[in-house]
Full PDB file with SEQRES, HELIX, SHEET, SSBOND, CRYST1, ORIGX, SCALE, CONECT and MASTER records, all heavy atoms in Angstrom:
SEQRES   1 A   39  THR ASP PHE VAL ALA PRO LEU VAL PRO ILE GLY LEU GLY          
SEQRES   2 A   39  ALA GLY ARG ILE GLY ASN PHE ILE ASN HIS GLU LEU PRO          
SEQRES   3 A   39  GLY ARG VAL THR ASP LEU PRO TRP GLY MET PRO PHE PRO          
HELIX    1 AA1 ALA A    5  LEU A    7  5                                   3    
HELIX    2 AA2 PRO A    9  ILE A   21  1                                  13    
CRYST1    1.000    1.000    1.000  90.00  90.00  90.00 P 1           1          
ORIGX1      1.000000  0.000000  0.000000        0.00000                         
ORIGX2      0.000000  1.000000  0.000000        0.00000                         
ORIGX3      0.000000  0.000000  1.000000        0.00000                         
SCALE1      1.000000  0.000000  0.000000        0.00000                         
SCALE2      0.000000  1.000000  0.000000        0.00000                         
SCALE3      0.000000  0.000000  1.000000        0.00000                         
ATOM      1  N   THR A   1      15.730   0.650 -19.503  1.00  0.00           N  
ATOM      2  CA  THR A   1      15.046   1.063 -18.265  1.00  0.00           C  
ATOM      3  C   THR A   1      13.890   2.019 -18.558  1.00  0.00           C  
ATOM      4  O   THR A   1      12.886   2.006 -17.848  1.00  0.00           O  
ATOM      5  CB  THR A   1      16.037   1.713 -17.286  1.00  0.00           C  
ATOM      6  OG1 THR A   1      16.676   2.841 -17.902  1.00  0.00           O  
ATOM      7  CG2 THR A   1      17.086   0.707 -16.836  1.00  0.00           C  
ATOM      8  N   ASP A   2      14.023   2.845 -19.606  1.00  0.00           N  
ATOM      9  CA  ASP A   2      12.891   3.698 -19.999  1.00  0.00           C  
ATOM     10  C   ASP A   2      11.707   2.856 -20.444  1.00  0.00           C  
ATOM     11  O   ASP A   2      10.540   3.215 -20.220  1.00  0.00           O  
ATOM     12  CB  ASP A   2      13.315   4.631 -21.141  1.00  0.00           C  
ATOM     13  CG  ASP A   2      14.225   5.759 -20.685  1.00  0.00           C  
ATOM     14  OD1 ASP A   2      14.339   5.983 -19.466  1.00  0.00           O  
ATOM     15  OD2 ASP A   2      14.845   6.392 -21.560  1.00  0.00           O  
ATOM     16  N   PHE A   3      11.995   1.732 -21.090  1.00  0.00           N  
ATOM     17  CA  PHE A   3      10.945   0.817 -21.525  1.00  0.00           C  
ATOM     18  C   PHE A   3      10.299   0.123 -20.319  1.00  0.00           C  
ATOM     19  O   PHE A   3       9.076  -0.062 -20.268  1.00  0.00           O  
ATOM     20  CB  PHE A   3      11.536  -0.219 -22.479  1.00  0.00           C  
ATOM     21  CG  PHE A   3      10.634  -1.378 -22.795  1.00  0.00           C  
ATOM     22  CD1 PHE A   3       9.569  -1.227 -23.655  1.00  0.00           C  
ATOM     23  CD2 PHE A   3      10.859  -2.621 -22.225  1.00  0.00           C  
ATOM     24  CE1 PHE A   3       8.729  -2.288 -23.949  1.00  0.00           C  
ATOM     25  CE2 PHE A   3      10.041  -3.699 -22.511  1.00  0.00           C  
ATOM     26  CZ  PHE A   3       8.966  -3.539 -23.374  1.00  0.00           C  
ATOM     27  N   VAL A   4      11.115  -0.239 -19.340  1.00  0.00           N  
ATOM     28  CA  VAL A   4      10.628  -1.011 -18.195  1.00  0.00           C  
ATOM     29  C   VAL A   4       9.864  -0.148 -17.190  1.00  0.00           C  
ATOM     30  O   VAL A   4       8.875  -0.601 -16.595  1.00  0.00           O  
ATOM     31  CB  VAL A   4      11.812  -1.720 -17.495  1.00  0.00           C  
ATOM     32  CG1 VAL A   4      11.376  -2.332 -16.173  1.00  0.00           C  
ATOM     33  CG2 VAL A   4      12.399  -2.798 -18.401  1.00  0.00           C  
ATOM     34  N   ALA A   5      10.291   1.086 -17.000  1.00  0.00           N  
ATOM     35  CA  ALA A   5       9.730   1.928 -15.925  1.00  0.00           C  
ATOM     36  C   ALA A   5       8.207   2.011 -15.922  1.00  0.00           C  
ATOM     37  O   ALA A   5       7.589   1.842 -14.869  1.00  0.00           O  
ATOM     38  CB  ALA A   5      10.353   3.331 -15.991  1.00  0.00           C  
ATOM     39  N   PRO A   6       7.534   2.235 -17.066  1.00  0.00           N  
ATOM     40  CA  PRO A   6       6.070   2.321 -17.015  1.00  0.00           C  
ATOM     41  C   PRO A   6       5.386   0.974 -16.738  1.00  0.00           C  
ATOM     42  O   PRO A   6       4.179   0.955 -16.466  1.00  0.00           O  
ATOM     43  CB  PRO A   6       5.697   2.826 -18.427  1.00  0.00           C  
ATOM     44  CG  PRO A   6       6.951   3.423 -18.971  1.00  0.00           C  
ATOM     45  CD  PRO A   6       8.061   2.611 -18.390  1.00  0.00           C  
ATOM     46  N   LEU A   7       6.137  -0.118 -16.826  1.00  0.00           N  
ATOM     47  CA  LEU A   7       5.548  -1.439 -16.592  1.00  0.00           C  
ATOM     48  C   LEU A   7       5.513  -1.811 -15.116  1.00  0.00           C  
ATOM     49  O   LEU A   7       4.827  -2.755 -14.726  1.00  0.00           O  
ATOM     50  CB  LEU A   7       6.349  -2.519 -17.344  1.00  0.00           C  
ATOM     51  CG  LEU A   7       6.695  -2.253 -18.806  1.00  0.00           C  
ATOM     52  CD1 LEU A   7       7.445  -3.452 -19.380  1.00  0.00           C  
ATOM     53  CD2 LEU A   7       5.458  -1.946 -19.622  1.00  0.00           C  
ATOM     54  N   VAL A   8       6.249  -1.061 -14.306  1.00  0.00           N  
ATOM     55  CA  VAL A   8       6.457  -1.438 -12.905  1.00  0.00           C  
ATOM     56  C   VAL A   8       5.329  -1.023 -11.960  1.00  0.00           C  
ATOM     57  O   VAL A   8       4.977  -1.772 -11.050  1.00  0.00           O  
ATOM     58  CB  VAL A   8       7.806  -0.855 -12.423  1.00  0.00           C  
ATOM     59  CG1 VAL A   8       7.989  -1.066 -10.927  1.00  0.00           C  
ATOM     60  CG2 VAL A   8       8.956  -1.475 -13.200  1.00  0.00           C  
ATOM     61  N   PRO A   9       4.711   0.158 -12.093  1.00  0.00           N  
ATOM     62  CA  PRO A   9       3.798   0.651 -11.060  1.00  0.00           C  
ATOM     63  C   PRO A   9       2.615  -0.251 -10.732  1.00  0.00           C  
ATOM     64  O   PRO A   9       2.204  -0.290  -9.566  1.00  0.00           O  
ATOM     65  CB  PRO A   9       3.326   2.007 -11.619  1.00  0.00           C  
ATOM     66  CG  PRO A   9       4.452   2.465 -12.474  1.00  0.00           C  
ATOM     67  CD  PRO A   9       4.978   1.214 -13.109  1.00  0.00           C  
ATOM     68  N   ILE A  10       2.045  -0.946 -11.703  1.00  0.00           N  
ATOM     69  CA  ILE A  10       0.908  -1.802 -11.376  1.00  0.00           C  
ATOM     70  C   ILE A  10       1.326  -2.863 -10.357  1.00  0.00           C  
ATOM     71  O   ILE A  10       0.599  -3.167  -9.404  1.00  0.00           O  
ATOM     72  CB  ILE A  10       0.329  -2.452 -12.647  1.00  0.00           C  
ATOM     73  CG1 ILE A  10      -0.325  -1.368 -13.512  1.00  0.00           C  
ATOM     74  CG2 ILE A  10      -0.697  -3.530 -12.297  1.00  0.00           C  
ATOM     75  CD1 ILE A  10      -0.935  -1.891 -14.786  1.00  0.00           C  
ATOM     76  N   GLY A  11       2.517  -3.415 -10.542  1.00  0.00           N  
ATOM     77  CA  GLY A  11       3.019  -4.383  -9.579  1.00  0.00           C  
ATOM     78  C   GLY A  11       3.258  -3.756  -8.211  1.00  0.00           C  
ATOM     79  O   GLY A  11       2.999  -4.385  -7.177  1.00  0.00           O  
ATOM     80  N   LEU A  12       3.750  -2.515  -8.193  1.00  0.00           N  
ATOM     81  CA  LEU A  12       3.957  -1.830  -6.924  1.00  0.00           C  
ATOM     82  C   LEU A  12       2.638  -1.640  -6.189  1.00  0.00           C  
ATOM     83  O   LEU A  12       2.533  -1.887  -4.979  1.00  0.00           O  
ATOM     84  CB  LEU A  12       4.621  -0.466  -7.156  1.00  0.00           C  
ATOM     85  CG  LEU A  12       6.039  -0.468  -7.713  1.00  0.00           C  
ATOM     86  CD1 LEU A  12       6.521   0.962  -7.904  1.00  0.00           C  
ATOM     87  CD2 LEU A  12       6.977  -1.238  -6.816  1.00  0.00           C  
ATOM     88  N   GLY A  13       1.615  -1.192  -6.937  1.00  0.00           N  
ATOM     89  CA  GLY A  13       0.306  -0.988  -6.318  1.00  0.00           C  
ATOM     90  C   GLY A  13      -0.291  -2.290  -5.803  1.00  0.00           C  
ATOM     91  O   GLY A  13      -0.836  -2.349  -4.703  1.00  0.00           O  
ATOM     92  N   ALA A  14      -0.183  -3.343  -6.606  1.00  0.00           N  
ATOM     93  CA  ALA A  14      -0.707  -4.648  -6.191  1.00  0.00           C  
ATOM     94  C   ALA A  14       0.025  -5.155  -4.952  1.00  0.00           C  
ATOM     95  O   ALA A  14      -0.583  -5.716  -4.036  1.00  0.00           O  
ATOM     96  CB  ALA A  14      -0.587  -5.655  -7.333  1.00  0.00           C  
ATOM     97  N   GLY A  15       1.336  -4.946  -4.903  1.00  0.00           N  
ATOM     98  CA  GLY A  15       2.107  -5.379  -3.740  1.00  0.00           C  
ATOM     99  C   GLY A  15       1.678  -4.658  -2.477  1.00  0.00           C  
ATOM    100  O   GLY A  15       1.618  -5.267  -1.390  1.00  0.00           O  
ATOM    101  N   ARG A  16       1.357  -3.374  -2.589  1.00  0.00           N  
ATOM    102  CA  ARG A  16       0.884  -2.637  -1.414  1.00  0.00           C  
ATOM    103  C   ARG A  16      -0.481  -3.144  -0.944  1.00  0.00           C  
ATOM    104  O   ARG A  16      -0.766  -3.164   0.257  1.00  0.00           O  
ATOM    105  CB  ARG A  16       0.798  -1.139  -1.728  1.00  0.00           C  
ATOM    106  CG  ARG A  16       2.148  -0.477  -1.971  1.00  0.00           C  
ATOM    107  CD  ARG A  16       3.139  -0.789  -0.877  1.00  0.00           C  
ATOM    108  NE  ARG A  16       4.408  -0.070  -1.068  1.00  0.00           N  
ATOM    109  CZ  ARG A  16       5.502  -0.322  -0.371  1.00  0.00           C  
ATOM    110  NH1 ARG A  16       5.502  -1.292   0.532  1.00  0.00           N  
ATOM    111  NH2 ARG A  16       6.613   0.370  -0.594  1.00  0.00           N  
ATOM    112  N   ILE A  17      -1.312  -3.553  -1.865  1.00  0.00           N  
ATOM    113  CA  ILE A  17      -2.582  -4.162  -1.462  1.00  0.00           C  
ATOM    114  C   ILE A  17      -2.316  -5.476  -0.723  1.00  0.00           C  
ATOM    115  O   ILE A  17      -2.977  -5.813   0.265  1.00  0.00           O  
ATOM    116  CB  ILE A  17      -3.475  -4.394  -2.693  1.00  0.00           C  
ATOM    117  CG1 ILE A  17      -3.899  -3.033  -3.263  1.00  0.00           C  
ATOM    118  CG2 ILE A  17      -4.718  -5.224  -2.331  1.00  0.00           C  
ATOM    119  CD1 ILE A  17      -4.658  -3.120  -4.577  1.00  0.00           C  
ATOM    120  N   GLY A  18      -1.303  -6.227  -1.210  1.00  0.00           N  
ATOM    121  CA  GLY A  18      -0.905  -7.444  -0.498  1.00  0.00           C  
ATOM    122  C   GLY A  18      -0.426  -7.125   0.906  1.00  0.00           C  
ATOM    123  O   GLY A  18      -0.722  -7.866   1.861  1.00  0.00           O  
ATOM    124  N   ASN A  19       0.321  -6.021   1.080  1.00  0.00           N  
ATOM    125  CA  ASN A  19       0.729  -5.598   2.425  1.00  0.00           C  
ATOM    126  C   ASN A  19      -0.480  -5.336   3.310  1.00  0.00           C  
ATOM    127  O   ASN A  19      -0.502  -5.715   4.491  1.00  0.00           O  
ATOM    128  CB  ASN A  19       1.564  -4.310   2.349  1.00  0.00           C  
ATOM    129  CG  ASN A  19       2.932  -4.509   1.724  1.00  0.00           C  
ATOM    130  OD1 ASN A  19       3.392  -3.670   0.944  1.00  0.00           O  
ATOM    131  ND2 ASN A  19       3.609  -5.599   2.038  1.00  0.00           N  
ATOM    132  N   PHE A  20      -1.495  -4.683   2.743  1.00  0.00           N  
ATOM    133  CA  PHE A  20      -2.701  -4.357   3.513  1.00  0.00           C  
ATOM    134  C   PHE A  20      -3.417  -5.627   3.947  1.00  0.00           C  
ATOM    135  O   PHE A  20      -3.848  -5.746   5.099  1.00  0.00           O  
ATOM    136  CB  PHE A  20      -3.614  -3.481   2.658  1.00  0.00           C  
ATOM    137  CG  PHE A  20      -4.845  -3.004   3.372  1.00  0.00           C  
ATOM    138  CD1 PHE A  20      -4.769  -1.994   4.321  1.00  0.00           C  
ATOM    139  CD2 PHE A  20      -6.089  -3.565   3.109  1.00  0.00           C  
ATOM    140  CE1 PHE A  20      -5.900  -1.545   4.985  1.00  0.00           C  
ATOM    141  CE2 PHE A  20      -7.229  -3.119   3.764  1.00  0.00           C  
ATOM    142  CZ  PHE A  20      -7.122  -2.109   4.707  1.00  0.00           C  
ATOM    143  N   ILE A  21      -3.544  -6.590   3.053  1.00  0.00           N  
ATOM    144  CA  ILE A  21      -4.212  -7.846   3.393  1.00  0.00           C  
ATOM    145  C   ILE A  21      -3.410  -8.598   4.468  1.00  0.00           C  
ATOM    146  O   ILE A  21      -3.994  -9.249   5.350  1.00  0.00           O  
ATOM    147  CB  ILE A  21      -4.377  -8.722   2.130  1.00  0.00           C  
ATOM    148  CG1 ILE A  21      -5.354  -8.040   1.161  1.00  0.00           C  
ATOM    149  CG2 ILE A  21      -4.867 -10.116   2.489  1.00  0.00           C  
ATOM    150  CD1 ILE A  21      -5.466  -8.734  -0.182  1.00  0.00           C  
ATOM    151  N   ASN A  22      -2.097  -8.486   4.419  1.00  0.00           N  
ATOM    152  CA  ASN A  22      -1.224  -9.153   5.398  1.00  0.00           C  
ATOM    153  C   ASN A  22      -1.113  -8.398   6.724  1.00  0.00           C  
ATOM    154  O   ASN A  22      -0.363  -8.801   7.606  1.00  0.00           O  
ATOM    155  CB  ASN A  22       0.184  -9.312   4.827  1.00  0.00           C  
ATOM    156  CG  ASN A  22       0.376 -10.620   4.098  1.00  0.00           C  
ATOM    157  OD1 ASN A  22      -0.572 -11.376   3.892  1.00  0.00           O  
ATOM    158  ND2 ASN A  22       1.603 -10.905   3.685  1.00  0.00           N  
ATOM    159  N   HIS A  23      -1.845  -7.280   6.858  1.00  0.00           N  
ATOM    160  CA  HIS A  23      -1.817  -6.454   8.062  1.00  0.00           C  
ATOM    161  C   HIS A  23      -0.432  -5.851   8.271  1.00  0.00           C  
ATOM    162  O   HIS A  23       0.003  -5.663   9.415  1.00  0.00           O  
ATOM    163  CB  HIS A  23      -2.225  -7.264   9.314  1.00  0.00           C  
ATOM    164  CG  HIS A  23      -3.491  -8.020   9.164  1.00  0.00           C  
ATOM    165  ND1 HIS A  23      -3.772  -9.164   9.887  1.00  0.00           N  
ATOM    166  CD2 HIS A  23      -4.567  -7.814   8.360  1.00  0.00           C  
ATOM    167  CE1 HIS A  23      -4.956  -9.636   9.547  1.00  0.00           C  
ATOM    168  NE2 HIS A  23      -5.460  -8.818   8.616  1.00  0.00           N  
ATOM    169  N   GLU A  24       0.249  -5.514   7.186  1.00  0.00           N  
ATOM    170  CA  GLU A  24       1.580  -4.944   7.266  1.00  0.00           C  
ATOM    171  C   GLU A  24       1.532  -3.428   7.030  1.00  0.00           C  
ATOM    172  O   GLU A  24       0.569  -2.903   6.498  1.00  0.00           O  
ATOM    173  CB  GLU A  24       2.500  -5.575   6.211  1.00  0.00           C  
ATOM    174  CG  GLU A  24       2.695  -7.074   6.403  1.00  0.00           C  
ATOM    175  CD  GLU A  24       3.416  -7.718   5.236  1.00  0.00           C  
ATOM    176  OE1 GLU A  24       3.379  -7.156   4.109  1.00  0.00           O  
ATOM    177  OE2 GLU A  24       4.006  -8.777   5.438  1.00  0.00           O  
ATOM    178  N   LEU A  25       2.603  -2.761   7.425  1.00  0.00           N  
ATOM    179  CA  LEU A  25       2.801  -1.326   7.206  1.00  0.00           C  
ATOM    180  C   LEU A  25       1.671  -0.480   7.810  1.00  0.00           C  
ATOM    181  O   LEU A  25       1.063   0.344   7.128  1.00  0.00           O  
ATOM    182  CB  LEU A  25       2.926  -1.012   5.709  1.00  0.00           C  
ATOM    183  CG  LEU A  25       3.882  -1.891   4.910  1.00  0.00           C  
ATOM    184  CD1 LEU A  25       3.941  -1.403   3.472  1.00  0.00           C  
ATOM    185  CD2 LEU A  25       5.259  -1.903   5.540  1.00  0.00           C  
ATOM    186  N   PRO A  26       1.369  -0.643   9.091  1.00  0.00           N  
ATOM    187  CA  PRO A  26       0.344   0.214   9.697  1.00  0.00           C  
ATOM    188  C   PRO A  26       0.770   1.667   9.688  1.00  0.00           C  
ATOM    189  O   PRO A  26       1.958   1.996   9.747  1.00  0.00           O  
ATOM    190  CB  PRO A  26       0.236  -0.321  11.139  1.00  0.00           C  
ATOM    191  CG  PRO A  26       1.566  -0.971  11.387  1.00  0.00           C  
ATOM    192  CD  PRO A  26       2.005  -1.526  10.063  1.00  0.00           C  
ATOM    193  N   GLY A  27      -0.210   2.552   9.614  1.00  0.00           N  
ATOM    194  CA  GLY A  27       0.071   3.971   9.638  1.00  0.00           C  
ATOM    195  C   GLY A  27       0.146   4.497  11.063  1.00  0.00           C  
ATOM    196  O   GLY A  27      -0.021   3.760  12.036  1.00  0.00           O  
ATOM    197  N   ARG A  28       0.371   5.784  11.162  1.00  0.00           N  
ATOM    198  CA  ARG A  28       0.382   6.417  12.477  1.00  0.00           C  
ATOM    199  C   ARG A  28      -1.052   6.717  12.887  1.00  0.00           C  
ATOM    200  O   ARG A  28      -1.975   6.750  12.087  1.00  0.00           O  
ATOM    201  CB  ARG A  28       1.217   7.691  12.434  1.00  0.00           C  
ATOM    202  CG  ARG A  28       2.644   7.448  11.972  1.00  0.00           C  
ATOM    203  CD  ARG A  28       3.508   8.705  12.036  1.00  0.00           C  
ATOM    204  NE  ARG A  28       4.742   8.541  11.254  1.00  0.00           N  
ATOM    205  CZ  ARG A  28       5.699   9.417  11.180  1.00  0.00           C  
ATOM    206  NH1 ARG A  28       5.599  10.568  11.850  1.00  0.00           N  
ATOM    207  NH2 ARG A  28       6.779   9.197  10.443  1.00  0.00           N  
ATOM    208  N   VAL A  29      -1.227   6.968  14.180  1.00  0.00           N  
ATOM    209  CA  VAL A  29      -2.555   7.247  14.731  1.00  0.00           C  
ATOM    210  C   VAL A  29      -3.126   8.509  14.106  1.00  0.00           C  
ATOM    211  O   VAL A  29      -2.405   9.495  13.901  1.00  0.00           O  
ATOM    212  CB  VAL A  29      -2.478   7.378  16.270  1.00  0.00           C  
ATOM    213  CG1 VAL A  29      -3.838   7.784  16.836  1.00  0.00           C  
ATOM    214  CG2 VAL A  29      -2.008   6.064  16.889  1.00  0.00           C  
ATOM    215  N   THR A  30      -4.417   8.486  13.794  1.00  0.00           N  
ATOM    216  CA  THR A  30      -5.083   9.630  13.158  1.00  0.00           C  
ATOM    217  C   THR A  30      -6.509   9.771  13.656  1.00  0.00           C  
ATOM    218  O   THR A  30      -7.111   8.783  14.137  1.00  0.00           O  
ATOM    219  CB  THR A  30      -5.099   9.458  11.626  1.00  0.00           C  
ATOM    220  OG1 THR A  30      -5.739  10.576  11.024  1.00  0.00           O  
ATOM    221  CG2 THR A  30      -5.859   8.203  11.220  1.00  0.00           C  
ATOM    222  N   ASP A  31      -7.042  10.991  13.555  1.00  0.00           N  
ATOM    223  CA  ASP A  31      -8.454  11.205  13.877  1.00  0.00           C  
ATOM    224  C   ASP A  31      -9.276  11.446  12.611  1.00  0.00           C  
ATOM    225  O   ASP A  31     -10.440  11.842  12.683  1.00  0.00           O  
ATOM    226  CB  ASP A  31      -8.634  12.373  14.856  1.00  0.00           C  
ATOM    227  CG  ASP A  31      -8.034  13.676  14.325  1.00  0.00           C  
ATOM    228  OD1 ASP A  31      -7.504  13.682  13.184  1.00  0.00           O  
ATOM    229  OD2 ASP A  31      -8.084  14.690  15.046  1.00  0.00           O  
ATOM    230  N   LEU A  32      -8.682  11.203  11.458  1.00  0.00           N  
ATOM    231  CA  LEU A  32      -9.417  11.351  10.201  1.00  0.00           C  
ATOM    232  C   LEU A  32     -10.480  10.267  10.086  1.00  0.00           C  
ATOM    233  O   LEU A  32     -10.312   9.161  10.618  1.00  0.00           O  
ATOM    234  CB  LEU A  32      -8.451  11.283   9.017  1.00  0.00           C  
ATOM    235  CG  LEU A  32      -7.471  12.455   8.894  1.00  0.00           C  
ATOM    236  CD1 LEU A  32      -6.440  12.194   7.810  1.00  0.00           C  
ATOM    237  CD2 LEU A  32      -8.230  13.743   8.612  1.00  0.00           C  
ATOM    238  N   PRO A  33     -11.594  10.539   9.398  1.00  0.00           N  
ATOM    239  CA  PRO A  33     -12.718   9.591   9.378  1.00  0.00           C  
ATOM    240  C   PRO A  33     -12.412   8.265   8.720  1.00  0.00           C  
ATOM    241  O   PRO A  33     -13.144   7.290   8.937  1.00  0.00           O  
ATOM    242  CB  PRO A  33     -13.817  10.362   8.619  1.00  0.00           C  
ATOM    243  CG  PRO A  33     -13.103  11.439   7.864  1.00  0.00           C  
ATOM    244  CD  PRO A  33     -11.923  11.799   8.694  1.00  0.00           C  
ATOM    245  N   TRP A  34     -11.354   8.182   7.897  1.00  0.00           N  
ATOM    246  CA  TRP A  34     -11.038   6.900   7.261  1.00  0.00           C  
ATOM    247  C   TRP A  34      -9.954   6.135   8.018  1.00  0.00           C  
ATOM    248  O   TRP A  34      -9.440   5.152   7.532  1.00  0.00           O  
ATOM    249  CB  TRP A  34     -10.637   7.108   5.811  1.00  0.00           C  
ATOM    250  CG  TRP A  34      -9.496   8.063   5.613  1.00  0.00           C  
ATOM    251  CD1 TRP A  34      -8.168   7.801   5.740  1.00  0.00           C  
ATOM    252  CD2 TRP A  34      -9.600   9.442   5.258  1.00  0.00           C  
ATOM    253  NE1 TRP A  34      -7.411   8.922   5.486  1.00  0.00           N  
ATOM    254  CE2 TRP A  34      -8.281   9.966   5.188  1.00  0.00           C  
ATOM    255  CE3 TRP A  34     -10.695  10.300   5.006  1.00  0.00           C  
ATOM    256  CZ2 TRP A  34      -8.024  11.285   4.869  1.00  0.00           C  
ATOM    257  CZ3 TRP A  34     -10.425  11.632   4.702  1.00  0.00           C  
ATOM    258  CH2 TRP A  34      -9.109  12.108   4.634  1.00  0.00           C  
ATOM    259  N   GLY A  35      -9.598   6.605   9.207  1.00  0.00           N  
ATOM    260  CA  GLY A  35      -8.663   5.858  10.021  1.00  0.00           C  
ATOM    261  C   GLY A  35      -9.270   4.529  10.446  1.00  0.00           C  
ATOM    262  O   GLY A  35     -10.491   4.384  10.557  1.00  0.00           O  
ATOM    263  N   MET A  36      -8.436   3.543  10.696  1.00  0.00           N  
ATOM    264  CA  MET A  36      -8.918   2.218  11.083  1.00  0.00           C  
ATOM    265  C   MET A  36      -7.900   1.551  11.992  1.00  0.00           C  
ATOM    266  O   MET A  36      -6.693   1.735  11.831  1.00  0.00           O  
ATOM    267  CB  MET A  36      -9.177   1.351   9.847  1.00  0.00           C  
ATOM    268  CG  MET A  36      -7.979   1.163   8.938  1.00  0.00           C  
ATOM    269  SD  MET A  36      -8.354   0.181   7.451  1.00  0.00           S  
ATOM    270  CE  MET A  36      -9.394   1.344   6.543  1.00  0.00           C  
ATOM    271  N   PRO A  37      -8.371   0.788  12.993  1.00  0.00           N  
ATOM    272  CA  PRO A  37      -7.433   0.060  13.853  1.00  0.00           C  
ATOM    273  C   PRO A  37      -6.812  -1.110  13.099  1.00  0.00           C  
ATOM    274  O   PRO A  37      -7.516  -1.851  12.413  1.00  0.00           O  
ATOM    275  CB  PRO A  37      -8.308  -0.418  15.011  1.00  0.00           C  
ATOM    276  CG  PRO A  37      -9.697  -0.463  14.447  1.00  0.00           C  
ATOM    277  CD  PRO A  37      -9.773   0.615  13.417  1.00  0.00           C  
ATOM    278  N   PHE A  38      -5.493  -1.258  13.202  1.00  0.00           N  
ATOM    279  CA  PHE A  38      -4.802  -2.357  12.543  1.00  0.00           C  
ATOM    280  C   PHE A  38      -4.737  -3.558  13.474  1.00  0.00           C  
ATOM    281  O   PHE A  38      -4.393  -3.419  14.650  1.00  0.00           O  
ATOM    282  CB  PHE A  38      -3.394  -1.937  12.127  1.00  0.00           C  
ATOM    283  CG  PHE A  38      -3.328  -1.281  10.779  1.00  0.00           C  
ATOM    284  CD1 PHE A  38      -3.958  -0.073  10.541  1.00  0.00           C  
ATOM    285  CD2 PHE A  38      -2.635  -1.878   9.732  1.00  0.00           C  
ATOM    286  CE1 PHE A  38      -3.902   0.534   9.306  1.00  0.00           C  
ATOM    287  CE2 PHE A  38      -2.570  -1.284   8.486  1.00  0.00           C  
ATOM    288  CZ  PHE A  38      -3.214  -0.071   8.269  1.00  0.00           C  
ATOM    289  N   PRO A  39      -5.045  -4.744  12.963  1.00  0.00           N  
ATOM    290  CA  PRO A  39      -4.971  -5.943  13.799  1.00  0.00           C  
ATOM    291  C   PRO A  39      -3.587  -6.115  14.407  1.00  0.00           C  
ATOM    292  O   PRO A  39      -2.566  -5.987  13.737  1.00  0.00           O  
ATOM    293  CB  PRO A  39      -5.268  -7.083  12.806  1.00  0.00           C  
ATOM    294  CG  PRO A  39      -6.067  -6.440  11.712  1.00  0.00           C  
ATOM    295  CD  PRO A  39      -5.512  -5.051  11.596  1.00  0.00           C  
TER     296      PRO A  39                                                      
MASTER        0    0    0    2    0    0    0    6  295    1    0    3          
END                                                                             
């Protein structure tokens, strides 16, 4: 598992980008300048 652990994060990051493209996991409402409406 020590060998495997550093190999995992790139896949985690890529999967989250896939969530974003799929319009999944919207955030809470914000007034920050990088906020965006989710479809």
